[in-house]
Protein backbone atom coordinates (compact mmCIF):
# COMPACT_ATOMS: atom_id res chain seq x y z
CA MET A 1 0.00 0.00 0.00
CA ASP A 2 2.76 2.36 0.95
CA GLN A 3 4.61 1.55 -2.27
CA ASN A 4 1.61 2.45 -4.39
CA THR A 5 0.83 5.70 -2.63
CA PRO A 6 3.57 7.79 -4.31
CA ARG A 7 2.45 6.54 -7.72
CA GLU A 8 -1.14 7.42 -6.92
CA ASN A 9 -0.05 10.89 -5.82
CA VAL A 10 1.93 11.39 -9.03
CA GLY A 11 -1.05 10.27 -11.10
CA SER A 12 -3.35 12.59 -9.18
CA ASP A 13 -0.95 15.52 -9.61
CA GLN A 14 -0.77 14.89 -13.34
CA ARG A 15 -4.55 14.78 -13.65
CA ASP A 16 -4.83 18.03 -11.70
CA ALA A 17 -2.23 19.63 -13.94
CA VAL A 18 -4.09 18.51 -17.06
CA ARG A 19 -7.38 19.89 -15.76
CA THR A 20 -5.77 23.21 -14.85
CA ALA A 21 -4.06 23.39 -18.24
CA LEU A 22 -7.42 22.93 -19.98
CA VAL A 23 -8.96 25.65 -17.80
CA VAL A 24 -6.10 27.99 -18.76
CA LEU A 25 -6.59 27.10 -22.42
CA ALA A 26 -10.33 27.83 -22.18
CA LEU A 27 -9.62 31.15 -20.46
CA CYS A 28 -7.09 32.21 -23.10
CA PHE A 29 -9.50 31.18 -25.85
CA THR A 30 -12.33 33.21 -24.29
CA LEU A 31 -10.16 36.31 -23.90
CA ALA A 32 -8.89 35.94 -27.47
CA VAL A 33 -12.49 35.66 -28.74
CA LEU A 34 -13.43 38.79 -26.84
CA GLY A 35 -10.38 40.77 -27.96
CA ARG A 36 -10.48 39.81 -31.60
CA GLY A 37 -14.26 40.16 -31.84
CA LEU A 38 -14.30 43.62 -30.28
CA GLY A 39 -11.34 44.75 -32.38
CA ASP A 40 -12.87 43.58 -35.66
CA SER A 41 -16.40 44.73 -34.79
CA PHE A 42 -15.49 48.16 -36.17
CA THR A 43 -15.93 46.77 -39.69
CA VAL A 44 -19.68 46.70 -38.94
CA PHE A 45 -19.69 50.15 -37.30
CA LEU A 46 -17.72 51.73 -40.17
CA LYS A 47 -20.66 52.49 -42.44
CA PRO A 48 -23.20 53.81 -39.87
CA ILE A 49 -20.59 56.00 -38.15
CA SER A 50 -19.31 57.44 -41.44
CA GLU A 51 -22.89 58.16 -42.53
CA SER A 52 -23.70 59.81 -39.18
CA PHE A 53 -20.84 62.30 -39.50
CA GLY A 54 -20.39 62.47 -43.27
CA TRP A 55 -16.77 61.33 -43.10
CA ASP A 56 -15.05 59.80 -46.13
CA ARG A 57 -13.73 56.26 -46.13
CA ALA A 58 -10.09 57.16 -45.44
CA GLN A 59 -11.03 59.18 -42.36
CA ILE A 60 -13.17 56.48 -40.78
CA VAL A 61 -10.78 53.65 -41.70
CA SER A 62 -7.98 55.53 -39.93
CA VAL A 63 -9.65 54.47 -36.68
CA TYR A 64 -9.38 50.78 -37.61
CA SER A 65 -5.79 51.34 -38.73
CA LEU A 66 -4.86 52.79 -35.36
CA THR A 67 -6.43 49.81 -33.59
CA TRP A 68 -4.05 47.30 -35.14
CA LEU A 69 -1.08 49.68 -35.17
CA ALA A 70 -1.45 50.19 -31.42
CA SER A 71 -1.96 46.47 -30.88
CA GLY A 72 1.19 45.57 -32.82
CA LEU A 73 3.43 48.21 -31.27
CA THR A 74 2.25 47.30 -27.76
CA ALA A 75 3.13 43.59 -28.12
CA PRO A 76 6.76 43.73 -26.84
CA PHE A 77 5.73 45.91 -23.87
CA VAL A 78 2.95 43.46 -22.96
CA GLY A 79 5.46 40.62 -22.77
CA ARG A 80 7.71 42.58 -20.41
CA LEU A 81 4.79 43.62 -18.20
CA PHE A 82 3.60 40.01 -18.06
CA ASP A 83 7.00 38.84 -16.82
CA HIS A 84 7.17 41.66 -14.26
CA SER A 85 3.60 41.84 -12.91
CA GLY A 86 1.93 38.59 -13.92
CA PRO A 87 -1.20 37.73 -15.90
CA ARG A 88 -3.79 39.16 -13.49
CA ILE A 89 -2.57 42.75 -13.98
CA VAL A 90 -2.12 42.37 -17.74
CA TYR A 91 -5.55 40.92 -18.44
CA ALA A 92 -7.29 43.29 -16.02
CA LEU A 93 -5.71 46.32 -17.67
CA GLY A 94 -6.88 44.98 -21.03
CA LEU A 95 -10.52 44.71 -19.96
CA LEU A 96 -10.35 48.09 -18.22
CA LEU A 97 -9.03 49.77 -21.37
CA LEU A 98 -11.63 48.09 -23.58
CA GLY A 99 -14.52 49.00 -21.29
CA ALA A 100 -13.46 52.63 -20.93
CA ALA A 101 -12.77 52.95 -24.68
CA PHE A 102 -16.23 51.81 -25.74
CA LEU A 103 -17.95 54.01 -23.17
CA VAL A 104 -16.04 57.04 -24.48
CA ALA A 105 -16.82 56.10 -28.09
CA ALA A 106 -20.53 55.92 -27.28
CA HIS A 107 -20.48 59.69 -26.69
CA ALA A 108 -17.83 60.70 -29.26
CA GLN A 109 -18.55 63.63 -31.57
CA HIS A 110 -15.22 64.13 -33.34
CA LEU A 111 -12.92 61.90 -35.36
CA TRP A 112 -10.02 62.31 -32.94
CA GLN A 113 -12.21 60.95 -30.16
CA PHE A 114 -12.83 57.76 -32.13
CA GLN A 115 -9.14 57.55 -32.99
CA LEU A 116 -8.20 57.83 -29.32
CA SER A 117 -10.84 55.44 -27.97
CA ILE A 118 -11.58 52.82 -30.64
CA GLY A 119 -8.19 53.28 -32.28
CA LEU A 120 -5.50 53.55 -29.61
CA CYS A 121 -7.25 52.30 -26.46
CA VAL A 122 -9.03 49.34 -28.05
CA GLY A 123 -5.82 48.40 -29.87
CA ILE A 124 -3.81 48.42 -26.65
CA GLY A 125 -6.61 46.61 -24.82
CA VAL A 126 -6.69 43.87 -27.45
CA ALA A 127 -2.91 43.45 -27.11
CA PHE A 128 -3.27 43.08 -23.34
CA ILE A 129 -5.70 40.15 -23.67
CA GLY A 130 -4.35 38.82 -26.97
CA ILE A 131 -1.80 36.48 -28.47
CA VAL A 132 1.35 37.61 -26.61
CA PRO A 133 0.17 37.13 -22.99
CA ASN A 134 -1.79 34.04 -24.01
CA SER A 135 1.26 32.43 -25.63
CA ILE A 136 3.41 33.11 -22.55
CA LEU A 137 0.78 31.70 -20.16
CA LEU A 138 0.06 28.65 -22.31
CA GLY A 139 3.78 27.97 -22.66
CA ARG A 140 3.92 27.38 -18.90
CA TRP A 141 1.26 24.67 -19.14
CA PHE A 142 1.69 22.97 -22.51
CA GLY A 143 5.45 22.94 -23.12
CA PRO A 144 6.13 20.90 -26.29
CA ARG A 145 2.38 20.86 -27.05
CA LEU A 146 2.32 24.66 -27.28
CA PRO A 147 1.81 24.74 -31.10
CA THR A 148 -1.40 22.73 -30.69
CA ALA A 149 -2.63 24.97 -27.89
CA MET A 150 -1.74 28.06 -29.92
CA SER A 151 -3.72 26.73 -32.89
CA VAL A 152 -6.76 26.54 -30.63
CA VAL A 153 -6.25 30.12 -29.44
CA TYR A 154 -5.56 31.38 -32.96
CA SER A 155 -8.90 29.86 -34.00
CA ALA A 156 -10.48 32.24 -31.48
CA MET A 157 -9.95 34.92 -34.09
CA GLY A 158 -12.66 33.21 -36.07
CA GLY A 159 -14.84 32.68 -33.02
CA GLY A 160 -14.71 36.35 -32.16
CA VAL A 161 -15.60 37.42 -35.69
CA LEU A 162 -18.41 34.86 -35.89
CA ALA A 163 -19.93 35.81 -32.55
CA LEU A 164 -19.61 39.59 -32.50
CA LEU A 165 -20.01 40.80 -36.09
CA PRO A 166 -23.58 39.58 -36.67
CA ALA A 167 -24.43 40.45 -33.06
CA SER A 168 -23.07 43.97 -33.59
CA GLN A 169 -25.18 44.44 -36.73
CA LEU A 170 -28.33 43.22 -34.95
CA LEU A 171 -27.68 45.56 -32.02
CA ILE A 172 -26.98 48.51 -34.33
CA ASP A 173 -30.23 47.84 -36.21
CA HIS A 174 -32.25 47.73 -32.97
CA ILE A 175 -30.64 50.21 -30.58
CA GLY A 176 -28.17 52.20 -32.72
CA TRP A 177 -24.39 52.24 -32.79
CA ARG A 178 -23.96 54.51 -29.76
CA ASP A 179 -25.98 52.31 -27.42
CA THR A 180 -24.22 49.24 -28.83
CA TYR A 181 -20.85 50.73 -27.94
CA GLN A 182 -22.17 51.54 -24.47
CA LEU A 183 -23.30 47.93 -24.04
CA PHE A 184 -19.85 46.70 -25.11
CA GLY A 185 -18.23 49.00 -22.58
CA PHE A 186 -20.34 47.88 -19.63
CA THR A 187 -19.88 44.23 -20.61
CA ALA A 188 -16.07 44.52 -20.63
CA LEU A 189 -16.05 46.30 -17.27
CA GLY A 190 -18.51 43.76 -15.86
CA LEU A 191 -16.07 40.96 -16.64
CA LEU A 192 -13.35 42.60 -14.53
CA LEU A 193 -14.58 41.31 -11.15
CA PRO A 194 -14.85 37.61 -12.07
CA LEU A 195 -11.50 37.87 -13.86
CA MET A 196 -9.80 39.28 -10.74
CA LEU A 197 -11.21 36.47 -8.59
CA LEU A 198 -9.64 33.68 -10.62
CA PRO A 199 -6.74 31.69 -9.01
CA TRP A 200 -4.03 33.59 -10.87
CA ARG A 201 -1.21 32.43 -8.59
CA LEU A 202 -1.95 28.85 -9.64
CA PHE A 203 -2.32 29.81 -13.32
CA ALA A 204 0.91 31.83 -13.37
CA ALA A 205 2.95 29.09 -11.67
CA GLY A 206 2.56 26.75 -14.61
CA SER A 207 2.61 22.96 -14.68
CA PRO A 208 5.45 21.45 -12.63
CA HIS A 209 5.82 18.85 -15.37
CA VAL A 210 6.55 21.64 -17.86
CA VAL A 211 8.34 24.25 -15.74
CA LYS A 212 10.69 21.85 -13.94
CA ARG A 213 11.42 19.57 -16.86
CA THR A 214 13.16 21.00 -19.89
CA ASP A 215 12.76 19.64 -23.39
CA PRO A 216 15.73 17.31 -24.08
CA ASP A 217 15.87 18.66 -27.64
CA PHE A 218 15.99 22.27 -26.48
CA VAL A 219 19.16 24.19 -27.26
CA ASP A 220 19.65 27.81 -26.21
CA ASN A 221 21.57 29.32 -29.09
CA GLY A 222 22.25 32.53 -27.18
CA TRP A 223 20.02 34.71 -29.33
CA THR A 224 19.55 38.30 -28.27
CA LEU A 225 17.30 40.83 -29.96
CA LEU A 226 20.25 42.70 -31.49
CA ARG A 227 21.85 39.51 -32.73
CA ALA A 228 18.53 38.33 -34.19
CA MET A 229 18.07 41.65 -35.98
CA ARG A 230 21.34 41.03 -37.82
CA HIS A 231 20.05 37.72 -39.16
CA HIS A 232 18.24 37.60 -42.50
CA ALA A 233 15.50 35.32 -41.10
CA PHE A 234 14.39 38.06 -38.68
CA TRP A 235 13.69 40.52 -41.48
CA ALA A 236 12.26 37.83 -43.74
CA LEU A 237 9.66 36.98 -41.08
CA PHE A 238 9.05 40.68 -40.41
CA TRP A 239 8.52 41.18 -44.18
CA THR A 240 6.07 38.25 -44.29
CA PHE A 241 4.10 39.55 -41.32
CA PHE A 242 4.01 43.08 -42.72
CA PHE A 243 3.00 42.48 -46.33
CA THR A 244 0.56 39.69 -45.52
CA ALA A 245 -1.18 41.96 -43.03
CA VAL A 246 -1.21 44.81 -45.56
CA GLY A 247 -2.94 42.63 -48.14
CA MET A 248 -5.47 41.01 -45.81
CA TYR A 249 -6.41 44.10 -43.79
CA SER A 250 -6.68 46.47 -46.74
CA ILE A 251 -9.69 44.32 -47.61
CA ALA A 252 -10.88 43.20 -44.17
CA ALA A 253 -11.55 46.74 -42.96
CA GLN A 254 -14.04 47.33 -45.78
CA ILE A 255 -15.52 43.91 -46.49
CA VAL A 256 -18.92 44.57 -44.89
CA ALA A 257 -19.18 47.96 -46.62
CA TYR A 258 -18.03 46.37 -49.91
CA LEU A 259 -20.71 43.67 -49.73
CA ILE A 260 -23.40 46.25 -48.93
CA ASP A 261 -22.28 48.38 -51.88
CA ALA A 262 -22.37 45.25 -54.06
CA GLY A 263 -26.07 44.81 -53.24
CA PHE A 264 -26.25 42.56 -50.16
CA PRO A 265 -28.45 43.62 -47.18
CA PRO A 266 -26.42 44.87 -44.17
CA LEU A 267 -27.29 41.96 -41.88
CA GLN A 268 -26.51 39.43 -44.61
CA ALA A 269 -23.20 41.15 -45.31
CA ALA A 270 -22.21 41.17 -41.63
CA THR A 271 -23.35 37.57 -41.13
CA ALA A 272 -21.49 36.37 -44.22
CA TRP A 273 -18.22 37.90 -43.04
CA GLY A 274 -18.95 36.73 -39.51
CA PHE A 275 -19.27 33.20 -40.87
CA SER A 276 -15.62 33.44 -41.85
CA GLY A 277 -15.04 32.67 -38.18
CA VAL A 278 -16.34 29.15 -38.74
CA VAL A 279 -14.24 28.43 -41.82
CA LEU A 280 -11.17 29.98 -40.17
CA VAL A 281 -11.20 27.19 -37.59
CA PHE A 282 -11.17 24.56 -40.34
CA GLY A 283 -8.53 26.51 -42.27
CA MET A 284 -6.36 26.73 -39.17
CA LEU A 285 -6.65 23.01 -38.44
CA GLY A 286 -6.23 22.08 -42.10
CA VAL A 287 -3.05 24.08 -42.63
CA SER A 288 -1.62 22.79 -39.33
CA ALA A 289 -2.41 19.20 -40.39
CA LEU A 290 -0.77 19.76 -43.79
CA ASP A 291 2.32 21.03 -41.98
CA GLY A 292 2.83 17.52 -40.61
CA LEU A 293 2.02 15.82 -43.92
CA ILE A 294 3.74 17.85 -46.64
CA GLY A 295 5.99 20.22 -44.68
CA ARG A 296 5.81 23.82 -43.50
CA ARG A 297 6.87 25.64 -46.66
CA PRO A 298 4.38 23.89 -49.02
CA SER A 299 1.60 24.36 -46.44
CA VAL A 300 2.30 28.09 -46.12
CA LEU A 301 2.51 28.59 -49.91
CA LEU A 302 -0.77 26.70 -50.42
CA SER A 303 -2.47 28.95 -47.89
CA TYR A 304 -1.29 32.01 -49.83
CA ALA A 305 -2.63 30.55 -53.07
CA ILE A 306 -6.05 30.06 -51.47
CA SER A 307 -6.00 33.67 -50.18
CA ILE A 308 -5.26 34.90 -53.70
CA LEU A 309 -8.20 32.90 -55.05
CA GLY A 310 -10.41 34.51 -52.39
CA ILE A 311 -9.40 38.00 -53.54
CA VAL A 312 -10.27 37.09 -57.14
CA LEU A 313 -13.70 35.84 -56.06
CA LEU A 314 -14.28 39.06 -54.10
CA TRP A 315 -13.45 41.07 -57.23
CA LEU A 316 -16.02 39.07 -59.22
CA LEU A 317 -18.70 39.72 -56.58
CA GLN A 318 -19.11 43.38 -57.53
CA TYR A 319 -20.10 42.30 -61.05
CA SER A 320 -22.21 39.28 -60.08
CA PRO A 321 -23.38 39.47 -56.45
CA ASN A 322 -24.62 35.94 -55.80
CA ILE A 323 -24.50 33.47 -52.94
CA LEU A 324 -22.20 31.03 -54.75
CA LEU A 325 -19.42 33.58 -55.24
CA LEU A 326 -19.99 34.98 -51.75
CA THR A 327 -19.64 31.51 -50.23
CA GLY A 328 -16.49 30.85 -52.25
CA PHE A 329 -14.96 34.13 -51.11
CA VAL A 330 -15.78 33.53 -47.43
CA VAL A 331 -14.40 29.99 -47.56
CA CYS A 332 -11.18 30.89 -49.41
CA PHE A 333 -10.32 34.28 -47.94
CA GLY A 334 -11.87 33.78 -44.49
CA SER A 335 -10.36 30.35 -43.87
CA MET A 336 -6.85 31.67 -44.56
CA MET A 337 -7.22 34.99 -42.69
CA GLY A 338 -5.02 33.83 -39.81
CA SER A 339 -4.21 30.24 -40.74
CA ARG A 340 -0.52 30.99 -41.35
CA GLY A 341 -0.09 32.55 -37.91
CA PRO A 342 0.76 29.41 -35.89
CA LEU A 343 3.15 28.12 -38.57
CA ILE A 344 4.99 31.41 -38.99
CA SER A 345 5.12 31.81 -35.20
CA ALA A 346 6.47 28.27 -34.81
CA THR A 347 9.09 29.04 -37.48
CA ALA A 348 10.26 32.08 -35.52
CA MET A 349 10.33 30.07 -32.29
CA ARG A 350 12.42 27.34 -33.98
CA ILE A 351 14.98 29.67 -35.55
CA PHE A 352 15.41 31.96 -32.54
CA GLN A 353 14.89 29.48 -29.70
CA GLY A 354 16.36 30.54 -26.39
CA LYS A 355 15.64 32.68 -23.36
CA ARG A 356 14.98 35.78 -25.47
CA VAL A 357 12.61 34.15 -27.95
CA GLY A 358 9.58 35.96 -26.50
CA THR A 359 11.17 39.38 -26.96
CA ILE A 360 12.38 38.50 -30.45
CA TYR A 361 9.02 37.11 -31.53
CA GLY A 362 7.18 40.08 -30.03
CA THR A 363 9.41 42.44 -32.01
CA ILE A 364 8.89 40.49 -35.24
CA SER A 365 5.13 40.62 -34.67
CA ILE A 366 5.29 44.42 -34.80
CA GLY A 367 5.38 43.86 -38.55
CA SER A 368 1.87 42.47 -38.39
CA GLY A 369 0.59 45.50 -36.48
CA LEU A 370 2.28 47.94 -38.83
CA GLY A 371 0.98 46.04 -41.85
CA SER A 372 -2.57 45.89 -40.51
CA ALA A 373 -2.57 49.63 -39.88
CA PHE A 374 -0.92 50.59 -43.16
CA GLY A 375 -3.10 48.21 -45.15
CA SER A 376 -6.45 49.34 -43.77
CA TRP A 377 -5.48 53.04 -43.98
CA SER A 378 -4.15 52.66 -47.53
CA GLY A 379 -7.29 50.79 -48.51
CA GLY A 380 -9.42 53.71 -47.37
CA LEU A 381 -7.28 56.19 -49.30
CA ILE A 382 -7.38 54.08 -52.45
CA HIS A 383 -11.17 53.74 -52.25
CA ASP A 384 -11.62 57.50 -51.85
CA ALA A 385 -9.19 58.30 -54.65
CA THR A 386 -10.72 55.87 -57.16
CA HIS A 387 -14.32 55.82 -55.89
CA GLY A 388 -14.30 52.09 -56.35
CA TYR A 389 -12.69 48.84 -55.30
CA ASN A 390 -10.70 47.55 -58.31
CA ALA A 391 -7.49 49.41 -57.46
CA LEU A 392 -7.89 48.41 -53.81
CA LEU A 393 -8.19 44.73 -54.69
CA ALA A 394 -5.16 44.95 -56.99
CA PHE A 395 -3.18 46.54 -54.14
CA ALA A 396 -4.25 43.76 -51.76
CA LEU A 397 -3.36 41.06 -54.28
CA ALA A 398 0.12 42.50 -54.85
CA SER A 399 0.73 42.76 -51.10
CA VAL A 400 -0.25 39.13 -50.46
CA VAL A 401 2.12 38.00 -53.22
CA LEU A 402 4.91 40.03 -51.62
CA GLY A 403 4.10 38.40 -48.28
CA MET A 404 4.69 34.90 -49.63
CA ILE A 405 7.99 35.68 -51.40
CA PRO A 406 10.27 35.05 -48.34
CA PHE A 407 9.01 31.45 -48.16
CA MET A 408 10.05 31.06 -51.80
CA ILE A 409 13.54 32.59 -51.73
CA VAL A 410 14.90 32.91 -48.15
CA PRO A 411 17.07 29.89 -47.22
CA ALA A 412 16.09 29.81 -43.53
CA LEU A 413 12.38 29.68 -44.46
CA ARG A 414 12.77 27.25 -47.35
CA ARG A 415 14.03 24.53 -45.00
């Protein structure tokens, strides 16, 4: 009996660790759904707000641009704050910023007020409950299974879009965009108390089976941020993040407005783009599965090819707005919207593995924030300058092609 007791204790500890890890995964998924959904909800608010104030497309899209610029630039700081103060402070600050931002936006009268609240504050808030703190926390519980856990959290991008875009349109139709923003604000603040009461000391400690046992294949290559920045792979990944985000977000910011202009009813347009959240999950899982079957580079290049097909289908929609083309666009473009994220992130983690990998990866991911901001802002300018979408779609197509080039020519990414 005494001989079996230690084994029973070990088995019980492992089961407890597994249960806690799944709770942490569910928490990170929920926060990612909330952050991504609230960040992308502006695509539904774009048209009613611009019509309320008579602003042109470039002016109103600048708000969306600032959201993802602020989110990207905040990423390295979030990682440092997480290490210094822990997850409770980081996540609480995120919800506090989101709640306050939406309450301010509900009463905004000038463009700068939207840029400050929905642009800067929502962007920073999304970063505080987004992929950087989630990846650090999950790394303490999943160890070598982190890529799988990150795929689940990345799929939350789709869950957030699916849940909040149609809901936003329904709320706008029934109570108006100002009251909808006010509801978002109170909801985010209302989640603060239950969040603060969670057992964060347990969550932050990590699994003893992960924290105390290192991966036998792990080698710290002594990478520092400055050393990484002198390596061609750093800038190749930065390039990929930047140009891919430019191409995808130059379209994403205006998709709902584009579909409405093409002849679809507002709720149908919002629901169709919201449904991209469903196909994104399958795209994420599919590309990750292909990674194990045919290799990372072919999987990434295939995902780019599908994105390009989606842009072509979107271009055809303005000439023939029908459900078949709309479905094809949502499946192709929506399923690939973030499907490359886990693979590109895993590539960065593999190349720059070591104690500074979080800082290096966070700095590389700035490219995504800059690209998202530049893409959506440029898309608004192009639309206003041409009074149409053809030049915008050509710009997006060229940017996506540029984003895939490093995986075709850079040695470190070809392997």
